[in-house]
């Protein structure tokens, strides 16, 4: 996948990349194919997986050798090539950013598709509550379908178990468990906190209230170790 370097700390050997799919990926010095400088805006190729970029290399560095050979053979004709390559890299960087949704439905849909297994990066308050809103709506719709079906087939008669309602409810919770957990983790990252605090939700009642408080806190208005400030946030 192609992407663009958002930040890379040479001393700590840690950075972030925006991919062509609009997601942000972390990478370390060990993920670099070549030990080269990675300034902000560098166009790169990488292998994505689990929110992390691996086998990262600079597209400009890869193209340097053919460009040098062409320059030696025909200096006058080869000179426009780097400028064209630079223009393409800049255009790519601008095109990647708008992929980030800023509407409530877009945040929910991204949460259950592209961010299904994403436990890296950050999630602003609007993203978290947009996901919660449409998750609740989807749950009510599914429960309504279950109740209607059970009523039609007579599962409520003679105190029988409403099997369809219970089954659909269980499948929905199971299907959305990972994206919901990932959303909580990214919301904690947005506050500069470790995602392991999501385990507080295992504490009956009290833990859920703590997570609710975290969900109401504004975005940390600076880049932190889990990524830059999310798109759409006014600092």
Protein backbone atom coordinates (compact mmCIF):
# COMPACT_ATOMS: atom_id res chain seq x y z
CA UNK A 1 0.00 0.00 0.00
CA UNK A 2 1.12 3.55 -0.63
CA UNK A 3 1.15 6.17 2.09
CA UNK A 4 2.71 9.34 3.43
CA UNK A 5 4.79 9.84 6.58
CA UNK A 6 2.97 12.04 9.11
CA UNK A 7 5.69 11.95 11.73
CA UNK A 8 8.88 10.05 12.50
CA UNK A 9 11.07 10.49 15.58
CA UNK A 10 14.59 9.38 14.64
CA UNK A 11 15.72 9.25 18.28
CA UNK A 12 12.87 7.01 19.47
CA UNK A 13 12.56 5.18 16.14
CA UNK A 14 8.77 5.57 16.09
CA UNK A 15 6.35 7.24 13.66
CA UNK A 16 3.00 7.36 11.85
CA UNK A 17 1.90 6.91 8.24
CA UNK A 18 -1.35 7.89 6.50
CA UNK A 19 -2.27 5.10 4.08
CA UNK A 20 -4.05 5.41 0.74
CA UNK A 21 -7.10 3.90 2.48
CA UNK A 22 -7.30 6.89 4.83
CA UNK A 23 -6.19 4.95 7.92
CA UNK A 24 -3.23 5.87 10.09
CA UNK A 25 -0.57 3.25 10.82
CA UNK A 26 2.27 3.16 13.32
CA UNK A 27 5.77 2.00 12.42
CA UNK A 28 9.13 1.62 14.12
CA UNK A 29 12.75 1.67 13.01
CA UNK A 30 12.64 -2.13 12.75
CA UNK A 31 9.81 -1.84 10.17
CA UNK A 32 11.99 0.14 7.73
CA UNK A 33 13.36 -1.83 4.80
CA UNK A 34 16.28 0.58 4.58
CA UNK A 35 17.71 2.78 7.32
CA UNK A 36 16.92 6.08 5.60
CA UNK A 37 15.59 9.43 6.79
CA UNK A 38 11.79 9.63 6.91
CA UNK A 39 10.86 13.33 7.08
CA UNK A 40 7.21 14.39 7.23
CA UNK A 41 5.54 14.13 3.80
CA UNK A 42 7.75 11.31 2.49
CA UNK A 43 5.83 9.06 0.06
CA UNK A 44 6.28 5.41 1.04
CA UNK A 45 5.19 1.86 0.23
CA UNK A 46 4.38 -0.53 3.10
CA UNK A 47 2.56 -3.67 4.18
CA UNK A 48 -0.42 -2.93 6.47
CA UNK A 49 -1.69 -5.18 9.23
CA UNK A 50 -3.36 -4.64 12.59
CA UNK A 51 -2.88 -0.88 12.49
CA UNK A 52 0.87 -1.23 11.95
CA UNK A 53 2.97 -0.58 8.85
CA UNK A 54 5.70 -3.10 8.05
CA UNK A 55 8.36 -3.37 5.36
CA UNK A 56 8.31 0.41 4.89
CA UNK A 57 10.45 2.01 2.20
CA UNK A 58 10.59 5.41 0.55
CA UNK A 59 9.26 5.56 -3.01
CA UNK A 60 11.70 8.38 -3.76
CA UNK A 61 14.64 6.29 -2.51
CA UNK A 62 13.57 3.33 -4.65
CA UNK A 63 13.36 5.55 -7.73
CA UNK A 64 16.69 7.26 -7.06
CA UNK A 65 18.91 4.68 -8.79
CA UNK A 66 16.99 4.61 -12.12
CA UNK A 67 16.79 8.39 -12.02
CA UNK A 68 20.54 8.71 -11.50
CA UNK A 69 21.22 6.36 -14.41
CA UNK A 70 18.92 8.32 -16.68
CA UNK A 71 20.56 11.58 -15.62
CA UNK A 72 24.02 10.24 -16.51
CA UNK A 73 22.84 9.06 -19.93
CA UNK A 74 20.85 12.17 -20.89
CA UNK A 75 21.14 15.06 -18.38
CA UNK A 76 19.10 17.52 -20.37
CA UNK A 77 16.13 15.21 -20.91
CA UNK A 78 16.05 13.62 -17.43
CA UNK A 79 15.92 16.84 -15.43
CA UNK A 80 12.07 17.21 -15.48
CA UNK A 81 11.54 13.68 -14.06
CA UNK A 82 12.22 14.46 -10.35
CA UNK A 83 9.91 17.45 -10.48
CA UNK A 84 7.12 15.28 -11.89
CA UNK A 85 7.72 12.62 -9.22
CA UNK A 86 7.64 15.26 -6.48
CA UNK A 87 4.38 16.64 -7.84
CA UNK A 88 2.85 13.15 -7.80
CA UNK A 89 3.95 12.54 -4.22
CA UNK A 90 2.46 15.86 -3.07
CA UNK A 91 -0.80 15.15 -4.90
CA UNK A 92 -1.00 11.72 -3.26
CA UNK A 93 -0.53 13.24 0.19
CA UNK A 94 -3.36 15.71 -0.34
CA UNK A 95 -5.70 13.04 -1.70
CA UNK A 96 -5.27 10.68 1.30
CA UNK A 97 -6.51 13.05 4.02
CA UNK A 98 -10.14 13.68 2.83
CA UNK A 99 -10.85 9.95 3.25
CA UNK A 100 -11.31 10.60 6.99
CA UNK A 101 -15.08 10.86 7.74
CA UNK A 102 -16.35 13.73 9.86
CA UNK A 103 -20.07 12.83 10.02
CA UNK A 104 -21.72 10.56 12.59
CA UNK A 105 -22.80 7.85 10.14
CA UNK A 106 -19.37 7.88 8.46
CA UNK A 107 -17.68 7.29 11.80
CA UNK A 108 -19.98 4.36 12.59
CA UNK A 109 -19.62 2.74 9.16
CA UNK A 110 -15.84 3.10 9.28
CA UNK A 111 -15.85 1.62 12.79
CA UNK A 112 -17.55 -1.60 11.68
CA UNK A 113 -15.63 -1.93 8.37
CA UNK A 114 -12.11 -0.54 8.01
CA UNK A 115 -11.56 -0.13 11.76
CA UNK A 116 -13.07 -3.49 12.73
CA UNK A 117 -9.75 -4.80 14.12
CA UNK A 118 -8.12 -1.39 14.68
CA UNK A 119 -6.77 -0.85 18.20
CA UNK A 120 -4.21 1.78 17.16
CA UNK A 121 -4.57 5.50 16.59
CA UNK A 122 -7.04 7.94 18.12
CA UNK A 123 -10.81 8.57 18.10
CA UNK A 124 -12.28 12.01 18.85
CA UNK A 125 -15.45 12.46 20.92
CA UNK A 126 -17.65 12.89 17.85
CA UNK A 127 -16.37 9.61 16.40
CA UNK A 128 -17.05 7.74 19.64
CA UNK A 129 -20.57 9.10 20.14
CA UNK A 130 -21.43 8.77 16.46
CA UNK A 131 -20.54 5.09 16.70
CA UNK A 132 -22.57 4.69 19.92
CA UNK A 133 -25.61 6.42 18.38
CA UNK A 134 -25.88 4.19 15.31
CA UNK A 135 -24.88 1.10 17.30
CA UNK A 136 -27.89 1.73 19.55
CA UNK A 137 -30.18 2.34 16.56
CA UNK A 138 -28.99 -0.87 14.91
CA UNK A 139 -29.55 -2.79 18.16
CA UNK A 140 -33.12 -1.48 18.48
CA UNK A 141 -33.89 -2.42 14.87
CA UNK A 142 -32.52 -5.94 15.34
CA UNK A 143 -34.41 -6.37 18.62
CA UNK A 144 -37.59 -5.15 16.91
CA UNK A 145 -37.16 -7.71 14.13
CA UNK A 146 -36.61 -10.43 16.75
CA UNK A 147 -39.70 -9.49 18.78
CA UNK A 148 -41.89 -9.28 15.66
CA UNK A 149 -40.67 -12.67 14.43
CA UNK A 150 -41.18 -14.33 17.82
CA UNK A 151 -44.69 -12.87 18.04
CA UNK A 152 -45.56 -14.18 14.57
CA UNK A 153 -44.36 -17.73 15.24
CA UNK A 154 -45.88 -17.81 18.72
CA UNK A 155 -42.73 -17.94 20.85
CA UNK A 156 -44.34 -15.64 23.42
CA UNK A 157 -47.22 -18.01 23.98
CA UNK A 158 -47.16 -20.32 26.97
CA UNK A 159 -44.11 -18.49 28.43
CA UNK A 160 -41.77 -19.93 25.81
CA UNK A 161 -38.32 -18.45 25.37
CA UNK A 162 -38.26 -15.76 22.59
CA UNK A 163 -35.52 -17.63 20.74
CA UNK A 164 -35.33 -15.30 17.73
CA UNK A 165 -34.98 -12.15 19.87
CA UNK A 166 -32.36 -13.70 22.11
CA UNK A 167 -30.45 -15.17 19.18
CA UNK A 168 -30.33 -11.94 17.14
CA UNK A 169 -29.35 -9.95 20.23
CA UNK A 170 -26.49 -12.34 21.00
CA UNK A 171 -25.21 -12.39 17.41
CA UNK A 172 -25.27 -8.60 17.22
CA UNK A 173 -23.28 -8.21 20.44
CA UNK A 174 -20.77 -10.81 19.28
CA UNK A 175 -20.38 -9.23 15.83
CA UNK A 176 -19.79 -5.73 17.22
CA UNK A 177 -17.63 -6.67 20.22
CA UNK A 178 -14.25 -6.06 18.55
CA UNK A 179 -15.08 -2.75 16.82
CA UNK A 180 -16.72 -1.47 20.01
CA UNK A 181 -13.68 -2.42 22.08
CA UNK A 182 -11.38 -0.84 19.49
CA UNK A 183 -13.41 2.38 19.64
CA UNK A 184 -12.99 2.56 23.43
CA UNK A 185 -9.24 1.93 23.12
CA UNK A 186 -8.82 4.65 20.47
CA UNK A 187 -10.89 7.08 22.57
CA UNK A 188 -8.53 6.49 25.49
CA UNK A 189 -5.54 7.01 23.18
CA UNK A 190 -7.07 10.34 22.12
CA UNK A 191 -6.80 11.47 25.74
CA UNK A 192 -3.18 10.36 25.99
CA UNK A 193 -4.13 7.32 28.10
CA UNK A 194 -3.24 3.66 27.67
CA UNK A 195 -5.85 1.49 25.97
CA UNK A 196 -5.54 -1.10 28.74
CA UNK A 197 -7.84 1.11 30.82
CA UNK A 198 -10.68 -0.37 28.77
CA UNK A 199 -10.49 -3.31 31.18
CA UNK A 200 -12.21 -1.06 33.72
CA UNK A 201 -15.46 -1.89 31.96
CA UNK A 202 -15.24 -5.35 33.57
CA UNK A 203 -15.98 -3.71 36.94
CA UNK A 204 -19.79 -3.86 37.38
CA UNK A 205 -21.50 -0.44 37.06
CA UNK A 206 -18.52 1.55 38.37
CA UNK A 207 -16.28 0.62 35.45
CA UNK A 208 -18.86 1.66 32.84
CA UNK A 209 -19.25 5.04 34.55
CA UNK A 210 -15.49 5.62 34.39
CA UNK A 211 -15.46 4.81 30.65
CA UNK A 212 -18.40 7.22 30.22
CA UNK A 213 -16.41 10.00 31.89
CA UNK A 214 -13.42 9.30 29.62
CA UNK A 215 -15.73 9.44 26.60
CA UNK A 216 -16.86 12.97 27.56
CA UNK A 217 -13.36 14.46 27.92
CA UNK A 218 -12.24 16.67 24.98
CA UNK A 219 -9.51 15.59 22.58
CA UNK A 220 -5.91 16.13 23.67
CA UNK A 221 -4.97 19.10 21.50
CA UNK A 222 -1.54 17.91 20.42
CA UNK A 223 0.13 14.94 18.81
CA UNK A 224 0.81 12.10 21.22
CA UNK A 225 2.42 8.69 20.98
CA UNK A 226 -0.72 7.20 19.38
CA UNK A 227 -0.91 9.67 16.52
CA UNK A 228 -1.65 13.25 15.45
CA UNK A 229 -4.79 15.16 16.39
CA UNK A 230 -7.78 13.50 14.60
CA UNK A 231 -9.16 15.12 11.46
CA UNK A 232 -11.88 17.71 12.03
CA UNK A 233 -10.78 18.69 15.56
CA UNK A 234 -10.34 22.42 16.12
CA UNK A 235 -7.38 23.22 18.36
